[in-house]
Amino acid sequence: MESNDHCSGCGQKDTCRQAYEKLGKATGPNVACKVIVAFLVPIAVFIGVLAGSQWLLQGKFEENMLILVSFILALCVTLLVVFVIRAVSSPKKKEHCDKR
């Protein structure tokens, strides 16, 4: 391994190796879905609402006003989606769990 060459003069190389071995063997829940929901869904919603509102409201406003209205609408819908995601995915409070 090349990493041994970098660590050969270090007095803590065994401690580091043990720490990295523990990290490599760590088990836990898969967070890929949470990452997608937390980051990609709001971005996709914002872009989708922005494009959709531009298309739907095209003849109803002037160009500058259309951009502003579309942006505000996309921002509001995205914030609403983020709040709904947080409400749905938030962990249950202890007092709710104790009532069972």
N, C-alpha and C. Protein backbone atom coordinates (compact mmCIF):
# COMPACT_ATOMS: atom_id res chain seq x y z
N MET A 1 0.84 -1.19 0.00
CA MET A 1 0.00 0.00 0.00
C MET A 1 0.87 1.25 0.00
N GLU A 2 0.48 2.21 -0.77
CA GLU A 2 1.23 3.45 -0.83
C GLU A 2 1.07 4.28 0.42
N SER A 3 -0.04 4.13 1.15
CA SER A 3 -0.27 4.94 2.33
C SER A 3 0.74 4.62 3.43
N ASN A 4 1.29 3.40 3.44
CA ASN A 4 2.32 3.06 4.42
C ASN A 4 3.58 3.89 4.22
N ASP A 5 3.88 4.22 2.95
CA ASP A 5 5.05 5.05 2.66
C ASP A 5 4.87 6.45 3.24
N HIS A 6 3.68 6.97 3.19
CA HIS A 6 3.42 8.31 3.70
C HIS A 6 3.43 8.33 5.23
N CYS A 7 3.09 7.22 5.85
CA CYS A 7 2.93 7.17 7.30
C CYS A 7 4.13 6.52 8.01
N SER A 8 5.16 6.18 7.28
CA SER A 8 6.27 5.42 7.86
C SER A 8 6.98 6.18 8.98
N GLY A 9 7.04 7.48 8.92
CA GLY A 9 7.74 8.25 9.94
C GLY A 9 6.84 8.73 11.07
N CYS A 10 5.58 8.40 11.02
CA CYS A 10 4.62 8.89 12.01
C CYS A 10 4.51 7.91 13.17
N GLY A 11 4.46 8.43 14.38
CA GLY A 11 4.32 7.59 15.55
C GLY A 11 2.90 7.13 15.80
N GLN A 12 1.93 7.72 15.10
CA GLN A 12 0.53 7.37 15.32
C GLN A 12 -0.06 6.59 14.14
N LYS A 13 0.80 5.98 13.34
CA LYS A 13 0.28 5.32 12.14
C LYS A 13 -0.62 4.14 12.48
N ASP A 14 -0.35 3.43 13.57
CA ASP A 14 -1.21 2.30 13.95
C ASP A 14 -2.57 2.79 14.42
N THR A 15 -2.58 3.91 15.14
CA THR A 15 -3.84 4.47 15.62
C THR A 15 -4.70 4.94 14.44
N CYS A 16 -4.09 5.58 13.48
CA CYS A 16 -4.82 6.03 12.30
C CYS A 16 -5.38 4.84 11.52
N ARG A 17 -4.57 3.81 11.37
CA ARG A 17 -5.00 2.63 10.63
C ARG A 17 -6.22 2.00 11.31
N GLN A 18 -6.19 1.91 12.63
CA GLN A 18 -7.32 1.34 13.36
C GLN A 18 -8.57 2.19 13.19
N ALA A 19 -8.41 3.51 13.21
CA ALA A 19 -9.56 4.40 13.05
C ALA A 19 -10.18 4.23 11.67
N TYR A 20 -9.35 4.15 10.64
CA TYR A 20 -9.88 3.98 9.28
C TYR A 20 -10.50 2.60 9.08
N GLU A 21 -9.97 1.59 9.75
CA GLU A 21 -10.58 0.27 9.67
C GLU A 21 -11.95 0.27 10.32
N LYS A 22 -12.08 0.96 11.45
CA LYS A 22 -13.39 1.05 12.10
C LYS A 22 -14.39 1.80 11.23
N LEU A 23 -13.95 2.86 10.59
CA LEU A 23 -14.83 3.62 9.71
C LEU A 23 -15.26 2.78 8.51
N GLY A 24 -14.36 1.97 8.00
CA GLY A 24 -14.68 1.13 6.86
C GLY A 24 -15.66 0.03 7.19
N LYS A 25 -15.67 -0.42 8.44
CA LYS A 25 -16.57 -1.50 8.85
C LYS A 25 -17.86 -0.98 9.48
N ALA A 26 -18.00 0.32 9.56
CA ALA A 26 -19.19 0.91 10.19
C ALA A 26 -20.43 0.60 9.37
N THR A 27 -21.49 0.29 10.05
CA THR A 27 -22.77 0.05 9.38
C THR A 27 -23.76 1.11 9.81
N GLY A 28 -24.62 1.47 8.94
CA GLY A 28 -25.62 2.47 9.24
C GLY A 28 -26.64 2.53 8.13
N PRO A 29 -27.64 3.34 8.32
CA PRO A 29 -28.67 3.43 7.30
C PRO A 29 -28.16 4.13 6.04
N ASN A 30 -28.75 3.77 4.93
CA ASN A 30 -28.40 4.39 3.66
C ASN A 30 -29.02 5.79 3.62
N VAL A 31 -28.22 6.78 3.36
CA VAL A 31 -28.70 8.15 3.36
C VAL A 31 -28.91 8.71 1.96
N ALA A 32 -28.78 7.89 0.95
CA ALA A 32 -28.90 8.38 -0.43
C ALA A 32 -30.29 8.96 -0.69
N CYS A 33 -31.33 8.29 -0.21
CA CYS A 33 -32.69 8.79 -0.42
C CYS A 33 -32.91 10.11 0.30
N LYS A 34 -32.37 10.23 1.51
CA LYS A 34 -32.51 11.48 2.25
C LYS A 34 -31.79 12.62 1.54
N VAL A 35 -30.65 12.33 0.96
CA VAL A 35 -29.90 13.36 0.24
C VAL A 35 -30.67 13.81 -0.99
N ILE A 36 -31.25 12.86 -1.71
CA ILE A 36 -32.03 13.21 -2.90
C ILE A 36 -33.23 14.06 -2.51
N VAL A 37 -33.93 13.66 -1.46
CA VAL A 37 -35.10 14.42 -1.03
C VAL A 37 -34.69 15.80 -0.52
N ALA A 38 -33.59 15.87 0.21
CA ALA A 38 -33.19 17.14 0.82
C ALA A 38 -32.63 18.14 -0.19
N PHE A 39 -31.95 17.67 -1.21
CA PHE A 39 -31.27 18.59 -2.11
C PHE A 39 -31.86 18.63 -3.52
N LEU A 40 -32.10 17.48 -4.11
CA LEU A 40 -32.50 17.46 -5.51
C LEU A 40 -33.99 17.79 -5.71
N VAL A 41 -34.85 17.33 -4.81
CA VAL A 41 -36.28 17.59 -4.97
C VAL A 41 -36.58 19.09 -4.92
N PRO A 42 -36.08 19.85 -3.93
CA PRO A 42 -36.36 21.29 -3.96
C PRO A 42 -35.83 22.00 -5.20
N ILE A 43 -34.66 21.61 -5.67
CA ILE A 43 -34.12 22.23 -6.87
C ILE A 43 -34.99 21.89 -8.08
N ALA A 44 -35.40 20.64 -8.18
CA ALA A 44 -36.25 20.23 -9.30
C ALA A 44 -37.61 20.92 -9.25
N VAL A 45 -38.17 21.06 -8.05
CA VAL A 45 -39.46 21.75 -7.90
C VAL A 45 -39.32 23.21 -8.32
N PHE A 46 -38.26 23.86 -7.87
CA PHE A 46 -38.05 25.27 -8.22
C PHE A 46 -37.94 25.45 -9.73
N ILE A 47 -37.12 24.64 -10.37
CA ILE A 47 -36.94 24.75 -11.82
C ILE A 47 -38.23 24.42 -12.55
N GLY A 48 -38.93 23.39 -12.09
CA GLY A 48 -40.18 23.00 -12.75
C GLY A 48 -41.26 24.07 -12.64
N VAL A 49 -41.42 24.62 -11.44
CA VAL A 49 -42.44 25.67 -11.25
C VAL A 49 -42.04 26.93 -12.01
N LEU A 50 -40.76 27.25 -12.01
CA LEU A 50 -40.30 28.44 -12.74
C LEU A 50 -40.59 28.30 -14.23
N ALA A 51 -40.26 27.16 -14.80
CA ALA A 51 -40.50 26.94 -16.23
C ALA A 51 -41.99 26.86 -16.53
N GLY A 52 -42.73 26.18 -15.68
CA GLY A 52 -44.17 26.05 -15.90
C GLY A 52 -44.89 27.38 -15.80
N SER A 53 -44.52 28.19 -14.82
CA SER A 53 -45.18 29.48 -14.68
C SER A 53 -44.79 30.43 -15.81
N GLN A 54 -43.58 30.33 -16.29
CA GLN A 54 -43.19 31.13 -17.45
C GLN A 54 -44.06 30.76 -18.66
N TRP A 55 -44.30 29.48 -18.83
CA TRP A 55 -45.08 29.02 -19.97
C TRP A 55 -46.55 29.37 -19.80
N LEU A 56 -47.11 29.18 -18.60
CA LEU A 56 -48.54 29.43 -18.38
C LEU A 56 -48.90 30.92 -18.36
N LEU A 57 -48.01 31.73 -17.82
CA LEU A 57 -48.31 33.16 -17.66
C LEU A 57 -47.71 34.02 -18.75
N GLN A 58 -47.29 33.44 -19.83
CA GLN A 58 -46.55 34.17 -20.86
C GLN A 58 -47.34 35.34 -21.45
N GLY A 59 -48.58 35.20 -21.73
CA GLY A 59 -49.33 36.28 -22.36
C GLY A 59 -49.99 37.23 -21.37
N LYS A 60 -49.89 36.97 -20.09
CA LYS A 60 -50.62 37.75 -19.10
C LYS A 60 -49.81 38.89 -18.49
N PHE A 61 -48.50 38.85 -18.59
CA PHE A 61 -47.64 39.88 -18.00
C PHE A 61 -46.61 40.35 -19.01
N GLU A 62 -46.00 41.52 -18.72
CA GLU A 62 -44.86 41.97 -19.51
C GLU A 62 -43.66 41.09 -19.18
N GLU A 63 -42.61 41.20 -19.97
CA GLU A 63 -41.45 40.32 -19.80
C GLU A 63 -40.80 40.46 -18.42
N ASN A 64 -40.54 41.70 -17.99
CA ASN A 64 -39.90 41.90 -16.69
C ASN A 64 -40.79 41.44 -15.54
N MET A 65 -42.07 41.75 -15.63
CA MET A 65 -43.00 41.36 -14.58
C MET A 65 -43.20 39.84 -14.58
N LEU A 66 -43.18 39.24 -15.74
CA LEU A 66 -43.33 37.79 -15.86
C LEU A 66 -42.19 37.07 -15.14
N ILE A 67 -40.98 37.58 -15.30
CA ILE A 67 -39.83 36.97 -14.63
C ILE A 67 -39.98 37.09 -13.12
N LEU A 68 -40.37 38.25 -12.64
CA LEU A 68 -40.53 38.47 -11.20
C LEU A 68 -41.65 37.60 -10.63
N VAL A 69 -42.79 37.56 -11.28
CA VAL A 69 -43.92 36.76 -10.80
C VAL A 69 -43.56 35.28 -10.81
N SER A 70 -42.91 34.83 -11.86
CA SER A 70 -42.52 33.42 -11.95
C SER A 70 -41.52 33.05 -10.86
N PHE A 71 -40.58 33.93 -10.60
CA PHE A 71 -39.59 33.67 -9.57
C PHE A 71 -40.23 33.60 -8.18
N ILE A 72 -41.10 34.55 -7.88
CA ILE A 72 -41.76 34.56 -6.58
C ILE A 72 -42.66 33.34 -6.42
N LEU A 73 -43.38 32.98 -7.46
CA LEU A 73 -44.23 31.79 -7.41
C LEU A 73 -43.39 30.52 -7.19
N ALA A 74 -42.29 30.40 -7.91
CA ALA A 74 -41.42 29.23 -7.76
C ALA A 74 -40.80 29.18 -6.36
N LEU A 75 -40.43 30.33 -5.84
CA LEU A 75 -39.85 30.39 -4.50
C LEU A 75 -40.87 29.97 -3.44
N CYS A 76 -42.10 30.47 -3.56
CA CYS A 76 -43.14 30.12 -2.59
C CYS A 76 -43.49 28.63 -2.64
N VAL A 77 -43.64 28.09 -3.81
CA VAL A 77 -43.96 26.67 -3.95
C VAL A 77 -42.82 25.81 -3.43
N THR A 78 -41.58 26.20 -3.70
CA THR A 78 -40.43 25.45 -3.22
C THR A 78 -40.36 25.48 -1.70
N LEU A 79 -40.59 26.63 -1.09
CA LEU A 79 -40.60 26.72 0.37
C LEU A 79 -41.72 25.86 0.96
N LEU A 80 -42.86 25.85 0.32
CA LEU A 80 -43.96 25.00 0.78
C LEU A 80 -43.58 23.52 0.71
N VAL A 81 -42.95 23.12 -0.36
CA VAL A 81 -42.52 21.73 -0.52
C VAL A 81 -41.48 21.38 0.54
N VAL A 82 -40.54 22.27 0.82
CA VAL A 82 -39.53 22.02 1.85
C VAL A 82 -40.18 21.86 3.21
N PHE A 83 -41.15 22.72 3.54
CA PHE A 83 -41.83 22.60 4.83
C PHE A 83 -42.61 21.30 4.92
N VAL A 84 -43.24 20.88 3.84
CA VAL A 84 -43.98 19.61 3.85
C VAL A 84 -43.02 18.44 4.01
N ILE A 85 -41.90 18.48 3.33
CA ILE A 85 -40.91 17.40 3.45
C ILE A 85 -40.40 17.33 4.89
N ARG A 86 -40.12 18.48 5.49
CA ARG A 86 -39.63 18.48 6.87
C ARG A 86 -40.69 17.98 7.83
N ALA A 87 -41.95 18.33 7.60
CA ALA A 87 -43.02 17.89 8.49
C ALA A 87 -43.24 16.38 8.38
N VAL A 88 -43.14 15.86 7.18
CA VAL A 88 -43.37 14.43 6.97
C VAL A 88 -42.20 13.61 7.47
N SER A 89 -40.98 14.07 7.25
CA SER A 89 -39.81 13.26 7.57
C SER A 89 -39.22 13.55 8.94
N SER A 90 -39.79 14.48 9.69
CA SER A 90 -39.23 14.78 11.00
C SER A 90 -39.48 13.62 11.95
N PRO A 91 -38.52 13.36 12.83
CA PRO A 91 -38.71 12.25 13.77
C PRO A 91 -39.82 12.56 14.76
N LYS A 92 -40.45 11.50 15.23
CA LYS A 92 -41.52 11.69 16.19
C LYS A 92 -40.95 12.20 17.50
N LYS A 93 -41.69 13.09 18.13
CA LYS A 93 -41.25 13.59 19.43
C LYS A 93 -41.49 12.52 20.48
N LYS A 94 -40.73 12.59 21.53
CA LYS A 94 -40.80 11.57 22.56
C LYS A 94 -42.17 11.51 23.20
N GLU A 95 -42.81 12.64 23.39
CA GLU A 95 -44.12 12.66 24.03
C GLU A 95 -45.17 11.93 23.20
N HIS A 96 -45.03 11.96 21.87
CA HIS A 96 -45.95 11.21 21.01
C HIS A 96 -45.70 9.71 21.12
N CYS A 97 -44.46 9.32 21.28
CA CYS A 97 -44.12 7.91 21.39
C CYS A 97 -44.56 7.34 22.74
N ASP A 98 -44.55 8.16 23.78
CA ASP A 98 -44.92 7.69 25.11
C ASP A 98 -46.42 7.47 25.26
N LYS A 99 -47.22 8.10 24.43
CA LYS A 99 -48.68 7.99 24.54
C LYS A 99 -49.19 6.63 24.13
N ARG A 100 -48.42 5.85 23.41
CA ARG A 100 -48.86 4.54 22.95
C ARG A 100 -48.95 3.60 24.07
